[in-house]
């Protein structure tokens, strides 16, 4: 499959790192915060990159885009994160063209997730795409590709049971609490951070713990109030964080800040305190463990939690792969057609110019020349000829020789 013609000689690349080779600390160094993504996209635009997508989550940071060399994307990532090129060489990956397309399909459908079947990633991909589109940094290839991944994700979720059981870090955290804490309904739970993971965790806490003592804190109180109102929970001001930690039994941190938001200085308790850090980079400083009564669990540990349905979910991987292949084939067919579009358009324009010149000539020679009737017939002929050529090229898409021959015969320049 040829990708270069879609973006004038540039190739489609996917570069990044994920949980497979990078632990939470290393992923944190390459994490790109929401405001940093806008600067990265602007930087890419200034460098002439026409289509790019940036996706940074707790388990991975990736950039997809059309460039002449993958090093362009790697430099953008390193310049807008705390990671270095040397670190990337040790833990990062680079995929090109077909392999890059395979990768985004596996990521978007949950097959490459740290917890098999985690479908939260597809929502993140959508947001990343819309962010790029808003800045006019997408092309038809990227839009069609993302839509195809969304289609495959929906089909896998609806047609298989690969998402049964633990399918996200937010649910895994609740599962950990249920498995490791006695009398959960009576415990005081404090949830700090109301981003995507925080909201999902809150919903899972309400649904699975039967706990009536859940308190929400967010830097922007209104965001916490919106969630609290839905579940009839208590909200406290950010200024009350230290006091609330003092009375809580379980602290869940999902703030997504660039630096730790919870340190040992905020904790003044003489009773056991379980802290779950769901953030990348880590938002709970390791120095909290200097308190004897504190237990700290990070999302890397939570992501390893498996339940009795894990083996059953793995059985649906082949079915999911078949669905991906079906959608991928449709995408490749569209891509093949796109390769011929410039030549077909150039051919049609050439035939129209021949038509116009011939009509102008015959108009002078023939008395009472019926131009309207001639246009009607010749337009039909032009359409039939271009359709015939297009169908021929589709049937012989394994070679560029026929495409080149048509361009030479009719003296076409598809780039005009």
Protein backbone atom coordinates (compact mmCIF):
# COMPACT_ATOMS: atom_id res chain seq x y z
CA UNK A 1 0.00 0.00 0.00
CA UNK A 2 1.41 3.39 -1.04
CA UNK A 3 0.99 6.30 1.39
CA UNK A 4 3.38 8.96 0.11
CA UNK A 5 1.11 10.41 -2.62
CA UNK A 6 -1.48 11.33 0.01
CA UNK A 7 0.85 14.00 1.41
CA UNK A 8 3.24 14.91 -1.44
CA UNK A 9 6.04 12.44 -0.88
CA UNK A 10 5.88 12.32 2.91
CA UNK A 11 5.29 9.10 4.83
CA UNK A 12 2.82 8.36 7.61
CA UNK A 13 4.60 7.73 10.92
CA UNK A 14 3.61 6.73 14.44
CA UNK A 15 6.19 7.43 17.15
CA UNK A 16 5.87 7.10 20.89
CA UNK A 17 6.32 5.02 24.01
CA UNK A 18 3.97 3.04 26.23
CA UNK A 19 3.70 0.85 29.31
CA UNK A 20 5.46 -2.10 27.64
CA UNK A 21 8.98 -0.65 27.88
CA UNK A 22 8.50 2.53 29.91
CA UNK A 23 7.55 2.53 33.58
CA UNK A 24 5.39 5.25 35.11
CA UNK A 25 8.33 7.56 35.84
CA UNK A 26 9.65 7.38 32.26
CA UNK A 27 6.17 7.78 30.80
CA UNK A 28 5.77 10.80 33.05
CA UNK A 29 8.86 12.42 31.56
CA UNK A 30 7.41 12.12 28.06
CA UNK A 31 3.87 13.04 29.09
CA UNK A 32 2.52 16.07 27.23
CA UNK A 33 -0.01 18.08 29.23
CA UNK A 34 -3.13 19.53 27.62
CA UNK A 35 -1.77 23.08 27.27
CA UNK A 36 1.56 21.76 25.98
CA UNK A 37 -0.17 19.88 23.16
CA UNK A 38 -1.39 23.17 21.67
CA UNK A 39 2.17 24.52 21.66
CA UNK A 40 3.42 21.27 20.10
CA UNK A 41 0.81 21.48 17.33
CA UNK A 42 1.65 25.11 16.65
CA UNK A 43 5.34 24.23 16.51
CA UNK A 44 4.57 21.42 14.04
CA UNK A 45 2.54 23.79 11.87
CA UNK A 46 5.37 26.34 11.85
CA UNK A 47 7.70 23.57 10.65
CA UNK A 48 5.41 22.76 7.74
CA UNK A 49 3.83 19.58 9.10
CA UNK A 50 0.41 19.39 7.41
CA UNK A 51 -1.24 16.57 9.36
CA UNK A 52 -0.48 15.47 12.93
CA UNK A 53 -2.23 13.91 15.91
CA UNK A 54 -0.91 13.90 19.50
CA UNK A 55 -2.25 11.47 22.10
CA UNK A 56 -0.91 11.51 25.67
CA UNK A 57 -2.57 9.28 28.28
CA UNK A 58 -1.55 7.56 31.50
CA UNK A 59 -0.30 4.52 29.58
CA UNK A 60 1.24 6.03 26.44
CA UNK A 61 2.33 9.16 24.61
CA UNK A 62 2.20 8.99 20.81
CA UNK A 63 2.38 11.27 17.78
CA UNK A 64 0.98 10.32 14.37
CA UNK A 65 1.78 12.44 11.35
CA UNK A 66 2.97 12.91 7.78
CA UNK A 67 6.65 13.90 7.66
CA UNK A 68 9.72 13.17 5.56
CA UNK A 69 11.57 11.72 8.54
CA UNK A 70 10.37 10.31 11.88
CA UNK A 71 13.00 12.39 13.63
CA UNK A 72 10.79 15.45 13.08
CA UNK A 73 8.07 13.93 15.27
CA UNK A 74 10.55 12.65 17.86
CA UNK A 75 12.07 16.14 18.16
CA UNK A 76 8.62 17.66 18.64
CA UNK A 77 7.91 15.19 21.45
CA UNK A 78 11.22 15.78 23.21
CA UNK A 79 11.00 19.58 22.83
CA UNK A 80 7.56 19.69 24.45
CA UNK A 81 8.13 17.18 27.25
CA UNK A 82 10.89 16.44 29.75
CA UNK A 83 12.10 13.41 27.79
CA UNK A 84 15.36 13.31 25.83
CA UNK A 85 16.27 11.82 22.46
CA UNK A 86 18.60 9.35 24.17
CA UNK A 87 15.80 8.13 26.46
CA UNK A 88 13.47 7.81 23.49
CA UNK A 89 15.98 5.62 21.65
CA UNK A 90 15.98 3.24 24.61
CA UNK A 91 12.22 2.96 25.22
CA UNK A 92 10.44 4.44 22.20
CA UNK A 93 9.15 2.99 18.94
CA UNK A 94 8.71 4.15 15.36
CA UNK A 95 6.22 2.71 12.86
CA UNK A 96 5.95 3.74 9.21
CA UNK A 97 3.04 3.62 6.75
CA UNK A 98 1.26 0.24 6.93
CA UNK A 99 2.79 -0.61 10.32
CA UNK A 100 1.71 2.79 11.66
CA UNK A 101 -1.84 2.14 10.47
CA UNK A 102 -1.81 -1.31 12.09
CA UNK A 103 -0.63 0.28 15.33
CA UNK A 104 -3.35 2.93 15.58
CA UNK A 105 -6.00 0.26 14.89
CA UNK A 106 -4.66 -1.90 17.75
CA UNK A 107 -4.43 1.10 20.09
CA UNK A 108 -7.87 2.48 19.28
CA UNK A 109 -9.62 -0.89 19.67
CA UNK A 110 -8.13 -1.71 23.06
CA UNK A 111 -5.94 -4.60 21.87
CA UNK A 112 -2.78 -2.68 22.76
CA UNK A 113 -4.10 -1.33 26.08
CA UNK A 114 -2.45 -2.08 29.40
CA UNK A 115 -5.76 -3.64 30.41
CA UNK A 116 -7.07 -5.66 27.48
CA UNK A 117 -10.31 -4.24 26.15
CA UNK A 118 -9.94 -0.75 27.65
CA UNK A 119 -12.15 1.37 25.39
CA UNK A 120 -11.42 4.70 27.08
CA UNK A 121 -8.57 5.19 24.60
CA UNK A 122 -10.93 5.68 21.64
CA UNK A 123 -12.52 8.71 23.31
CA UNK A 124 -9.04 10.13 23.85
CA UNK A 125 -8.15 9.57 20.18
CA UNK A 126 -11.31 11.41 19.13
CA UNK A 127 -10.42 14.41 21.27
CA UNK A 128 -6.87 14.41 19.92
CA UNK A 129 -8.16 14.37 16.35
CA UNK A 130 -10.64 17.21 16.91
CA UNK A 131 -7.89 19.28 18.55
CA UNK A 132 -5.71 18.86 15.43
CA UNK A 133 -8.63 19.49 13.08
CA UNK A 134 -9.47 22.72 14.88
CA UNK A 135 -5.92 23.90 14.11
CA UNK A 136 -6.25 22.75 10.46
CA UNK A 137 -3.64 20.02 10.99
CA UNK A 138 -5.49 17.05 9.48
CA UNK A 139 -5.81 15.73 5.95
CA UNK A 140 -8.37 13.38 4.33
CA UNK A 141 -6.14 10.38 5.10
CA UNK A 142 -6.02 11.14 8.83
CA UNK A 143 -9.75 11.83 9.03
CA UNK A 144 -10.68 8.64 7.20
CA UNK A 145 -8.20 6.61 9.27
CA UNK A 146 -9.49 7.88 12.63
CA UNK A 147 -13.10 7.30 11.55
CA UNK A 148 -12.19 3.74 10.50
CA UNK A 149 -10.58 3.07 13.89
CA UNK A 150 -13.71 4.42 15.62
CA UNK A 151 -15.85 2.12 13.47
CA UNK A 152 -13.71 -0.92 14.32
CA UNK A 153 -13.79 -0.04 18.03
CA UNK A 154 -17.60 0.19 18.03
CA UNK A 155 -17.96 -3.13 16.25
CA UNK A 156 -15.58 -4.93 18.60
CA UNK A 157 -17.36 -3.52 21.65
CA UNK A 158 -20.79 -4.52 20.29
CA UNK A 159 -19.93 -7.83 18.61
CA UNK A 160 -17.48 -9.37 21.11
CA UNK A 161 -17.18 -9.68 24.89
CA UNK A 162 -13.58 -8.56 25.02
CA UNK A 163 -14.58 -5.65 27.26
CA UNK A 164 -16.17 -7.79 29.99
CA UNK A 165 -14.70 -7.55 33.50
CA UNK A 166 -11.97 -5.06 34.37
CA UNK A 167 -11.56 -2.77 31.36
CA UNK A 168 -10.08 0.42 32.75
CA UNK A 169 -7.74 1.79 35.37
CA UNK A 170 -10.68 3.56 37.02
CA UNK A 171 -12.51 0.28 37.59
CA UNK A 172 -9.30 -1.55 38.51
CA UNK A 173 -8.78 0.96 41.34
CA UNK A 174 -12.24 0.22 42.72
CA UNK A 175 -11.63 -3.49 42.33
CA UNK A 176 -8.39 -3.12 44.31
CA UNK A 177 -10.22 -1.35 47.14
CA UNK A 178 -12.90 -4.04 47.30
CA UNK A 179 -10.29 -6.80 47.35
CA UNK A 180 -7.92 -5.23 49.90
CA UNK A 181 -10.00 -3.12 52.27
CA UNK A 182 -12.38 -4.56 54.86
CA UNK A 183 -15.84 -3.07 55.38
CA UNK A 184 -15.52 -0.67 52.41
CA UNK A 185 -19.05 0.85 52.83
CA UNK A 186 -18.06 2.31 56.20
CA UNK A 187 -14.79 3.90 55.09
CA UNK A 188 -14.26 7.59 54.32
CA UNK A 189 -13.17 7.96 50.69
CA UNK A 190 -11.66 11.16 49.29
CA UNK A 191 -11.40 11.54 45.51
CA UNK A 192 -9.07 14.36 44.44
CA UNK A 193 -9.29 15.32 40.75
CA UNK A 194 -12.30 15.41 38.41
CA UNK A 195 -10.76 14.75 35.03
CA UNK A 196 -11.76 11.83 32.81
CA UNK A 197 -10.27 9.15 35.08
CA UNK A 198 -11.56 10.89 38.22
CA UNK A 199 -15.11 11.01 36.87
CA UNK A 200 -15.03 7.37 35.81
CA UNK A 201 -13.58 6.34 39.17
CA UNK A 202 -16.30 8.25 40.99
CA UNK A 203 -19.00 6.50 38.98
CA UNK A 204 -17.47 3.08 39.69
CA UNK A 205 -17.15 3.87 43.41
CA UNK A 206 -20.83 4.72 43.64
CA UNK A 207 -21.87 1.75 41.56
CA UNK A 208 -19.78 -0.98 43.22
CA UNK A 209 -18.92 0.00 46.82
CA UNK A 210 -22.28 1.04 48.32
CA UNK A 211 -20.28 3.69 50.16
CA UNK A 212 -22.12 6.83 51.32
CA UNK A 213 -19.02 8.62 52.60
CA UNK A 214 -17.39 9.80 49.36
CA UNK A 215 -16.03 13.35 49.21
CA UNK A 216 -14.88 15.12 46.05
CA UNK A 217 -12.26 17.85 45.76
CA UNK A 218 -11.14 19.61 42.60
CA UNK A 219 -9.16 22.80 42.03
CA UNK A 220 -12.21 24.08 40.16
CA UNK A 221 -15.05 23.43 42.61
CA UNK A 222 -17.76 23.69 39.96
CA UNK A 223 -16.43 20.60 38.15
CA UNK A 224 -16.66 18.60 41.38
CA UNK A 225 -20.15 19.93 42.06
CA UNK A 226 -21.36 18.82 38.64
CA UNK A 227 -20.31 15.23 39.41
CA UNK A 228 -21.42 15.33 43.03
CA UNK A 229 -24.91 16.48 42.09
CA UNK A 230 -25.36 13.49 39.85
CA UNK A 231 -24.56 11.03 42.68
CA UNK A 232 -25.54 13.09 45.75
CA UNK A 233 -21.98 13.27 47.08
CA UNK A 234 -20.19 15.79 49.30
CA UNK A 235 -17.89 18.47 47.84
CA UNK A 236 -15.13 20.31 49.68
CA UNK A 237 -12.98 23.27 48.65
CA UNK A 238 -9.42 22.77 47.48
CA UNK A 239 -8.33 24.71 50.57
CA UNK A 240 -9.81 21.91 52.72
CA UNK A 241 -7.60 19.21 51.16
CA UNK A 242 -5.24 18.77 54.14
CA UNK A 243 -8.10 18.61 56.66
CA UNK A 244 -10.00 16.09 54.55
CA UNK A 245 -6.93 13.86 54.15
CA UNK A 246 -6.66 13.83 57.95
CA UNK A 247 -10.11 12.22 58.30
CA UNK A 248 -10.12 9.93 55.26
CA UNK A 249 -9.32 6.21 55.03
CA UNK A 250 -8.83 6.00 51.28
CA UNK A 251 -7.39 8.78 49.12
CA UNK A 252 -7.68 8.48 45.33
CA UNK A 253 -5.60 10.98 43.35
CA UNK A 254 -6.48 11.61 39.70
CA UNK A 255 -5.31 15.18 39.23
CA UNK A 256 -3.16 14.84 36.11
CA UNK A 257 -0.82 17.67 37.15
CA UNK A 258 2.73 18.04 35.86
CA UNK A 259 4.16 17.76 39.41
CA UNK A 260 3.12 15.91 42.60
CA UNK A 261 0.00 17.35 44.23
CA UNK A 262 0.22 15.12 47.32
CA UNK A 263 3.37 15.15 49.48
CA UNK A 264 4.17 14.03 53.03
CA UNK A 265 3.70 17.60 54.27
CA UNK A 266 -0.05 17.44 53.52
CA UNK A 267 -0.57 14.31 55.58
CA UNK A 268 -1.17 14.47 59.33
CA UNK A 269 -2.83 11.24 60.34
CA UNK A 270 -2.23 8.54 62.92
CA UNK A 271 -4.46 5.93 61.31
CA UNK A 272 -3.96 3.71 58.23
CA UNK A 273 -4.35 5.56 54.94
CA UNK A 274 -4.50 3.89 51.53
CA UNK A 275 -3.49 6.18 48.65
CA UNK A 276 -4.16 5.24 45.03
CA UNK A 277 -2.33 7.38 42.46
CA UNK A 278 -4.04 7.18 39.05
CA UNK A 279 -1.98 9.96 37.46
CA UNK A 280 0.76 10.18 34.85
CA UNK A 281 3.14 11.75 35.72
CA UNK A 282 2.86 10.52 39.30
CA UNK A 283 0.94 13.03 41.39
CA UNK A 284 1.77 11.45 44.75
CA UNK A 285 5.32 11.94 45.96
CA UNK A 286 7.07 8.79 47.17
CA UNK A 287 8.01 10.65 50.36
CA UNK A 288 4.49 10.00 51.72
CA UNK A 289 5.77 6.52 52.56
CA UNK A 290 7.86 8.07 55.32
CA UNK A 291 4.59 7.95 57.29
CA UNK A 292 4.33 4.47 58.80
CA UNK A 293 0.57 4.20 58.37
CA UNK A 294 0.45 4.92 54.64
CA UNK A 295 0.12 2.43 51.79
CA UNK A 296 0.71 3.75 48.24
CA UNK A 297 -0.49 2.03 45.06
CA UNK A 298 0.22 3.40 41.60
CA UNK A 299 -1.74 2.73 38.42
CA UNK A 300 1.00 0.47 37.00
CA UNK A 301 0.18 -1.97 39.80
CA UNK A 302 -3.55 -1.53 39.28
CA UNK A 303 -3.19 -2.22 35.57
CA UNK A 304 -1.78 -5.67 36.36
CA UNK A 305 -4.91 -6.64 38.25
CA UNK A 306 -6.70 -9.47 36.50
CA UNK A 307 -10.03 -11.01 37.24
CA UNK A 308 -11.48 -14.43 36.55
CA UNK A 309 -12.81 -13.28 33.18
CA UNK A 310 -9.40 -12.28 31.77
CA UNK A 311 -8.82 -15.64 30.10
CA UNK A 312 -12.32 -15.49 28.67
CA UNK A 313 -11.70 -12.02 27.23
CA UNK A 314 -8.49 -13.18 25.56
CA UNK A 315 -10.50 -15.73 23.63
CA UNK A 316 -12.18 -12.89 21.75
CA UNK A 317 -8.91 -11.45 20.41
CA UNK A 318 -9.08 -13.41 17.11
CA UNK A 319 -12.64 -12.20 16.53
CA UNK A 320 -11.57 -8.62 17.24
CA UNK A 321 -8.67 -8.99 14.81
CA UNK A 322 -11.03 -10.21 12.09
CA UNK A 323 -13.19 -7.11 12.56
CA UNK A 324 -10.11 -4.90 12.37
CA UNK A 325 -9.05 -6.61 9.15
CA UNK A 326 -12.47 -6.05 7.58
CA UNK A 327 -12.49 -2.34 8.41
CA UNK A 328 -8.82 -2.04 7.47
CA UNK A 329 -9.53 -3.57 4.04
CA UNK A 330 -12.22 -0.97 3.42
CA UNK A 331 -9.76 1.75 4.41
CA UNK A 332 -7.07 0.37 2.09
CA UNK A 333 -9.58 0.22 -0.77
CA UNK A 334 -10.45 3.87 -0.20
CA UNK A 335 -6.75 4.71 -0.07
CA UNK A 336 -6.13 2.95 -3.37
CA UNK A 337 -8.88 5.01 -4.98
CA UNK A 338 -7.39 8.20 -3.53
CA UNK A 339 -4.12 7.41 -5.27
CA UNK A 340 -5.82 7.62 -8.67
CA UNK A 341 -7.90 10.74 -8.00
CA UNK A 342 -5.32 13.35 -9.17
CA UNK A 343 -4.77 11.49 -12.45
CA UNK A 344 -8.50 10.99 -13.08
CA UNK A 345 -9.16 14.68 -12.39
CA UNK A 346 -6.30 15.69 -14.70
CA UNK A 347 -7.65 13.39 -17.44
CA UNK A 348 -11.16 14.84 -17.11
CA UNK A 349 -9.84 18.38 -17.29
CA UNK A 350 -7.78 17.49 -20.38
CA UNK A 351 -10.82 15.99 -22.11
CA UNK A 352 -12.90 19.07 -21.24
CA UNK A 353 -10.23 21.33 -22.79
CA UNK A 354 -10.26 19.18 -25.95
CA UNK A 355 -14.06 19.39 -25.94
CA UNK A 356 -14.06 23.19 -25.61
CA UNK A 357 -11.52 23.66 -28.40
CA UNK A 358 -13.38 21.31 -30.74
CA UNK A 359 -16.76 22.99 -30.10
CA UNK A 360 -15.22 26.41 -30.69
CA UNK A 361 -13.79 25.16 -33.99
CA UNK A 362 -17.02 23.47 -35.16
CA UNK A 363 -19.11 26.49 -34.17
CA UNK A 364 -17.27 28.50 -36.85
CA UNK A 365 -17.59 25.80 -39.51
CA UNK A 366 -21.16 24.55 -39.09
CA UNK A 367 -24.18 26.73 -39.69
CA UNK A 368 -26.89 26.51 -36.99
CA UNK A 369 -24.47 24.52 -34.81
CA UNK A 370 -26.42 22.87 -31.93
CA UNK A 371 -23.92 23.51 -29.15
CA UNK A 372 -26.29 22.46 -26.38
CA UNK A 373 -26.85 19.01 -27.88
CA UNK A 374 -23.14 18.52 -28.58
CA UNK A 375 -22.27 19.44 -24.98
CA UNK A 376 -24.83 16.97 -23.66
CA UNK A 377 -23.38 14.10 -25.72
CA UNK A 378 -19.71 14.99 -25.20
CA UNK A 379 -20.14 15.40 -21.44
CA UNK A 380 -21.62 11.89 -21.26
CA UNK A 381 -18.67 10.57 -23.28
CA UNK A 382 -16.14 12.28 -21.00
CA UNK A 383 -17.82 10.78 -17.93
CA UNK A 384 -17.86 7.30 -19.45
CA UNK A 385 -14.20 7.51 -20.46
CA UNK A 386 -13.01 8.70 -17.04
CA UNK A 387 -15.13 6.04 -15.27
CA UNK A 388 -13.66 3.35 -17.54
CA UNK A 389 -10.10 4.50 -16.80
CA UNK A 390 -10.80 4.72 -13.04
CA UNK A 391 -12.23 1.19 -12.94
CA UNK A 392 -9.26 -0.13 -14.89
CA UNK A 393 -6.81 1.43 -12.45
CA UNK A 394 -8.73 0.03 -9.46
CA UNK A 395 -8.60 -3.47 -10.96
CA UNK A 396 -4.81 -3.22 -11.45
CA UNK A 397 -3.75 -1.34 -8.35
CA UNK A 398 -0.73 -3.58 -7.73
CA UNK A 399 1.40 -1.59 -10.15
CA UNK A 400 2.04 2.07 -10.94
CA UNK A 401 2.99 1.29 -14.56
CA UNK A 402 -0.56 1.70 -15.88
CA UNK A 403 -0.98 4.98 -14.00
CA UNK A 404 2.26 6.29 -15.49
CA UNK A 405 1.25 5.12 -18.98
CA UNK A 406 -2.07 7.01 -18.84
CA UNK A 407 -0.28 10.14 -17.65
CA UNK A 408 2.20 9.86 -20.54
CA UNK A 409 -0.39 9.08 -23.25
CA UNK A 410 -2.56 12.08 -22.38
CA UNK A 411 0.40 14.26 -21.26
CA UNK A 412 -1.12 14.76 -17.78
CA UNK A 413 0.38 16.53 -14.78
CA UNK A 414 -1.65 15.39 -11.73
CA UNK A 415 0.14 17.93 -9.50
CA UNK A 416 -1.39 20.90 -11.32
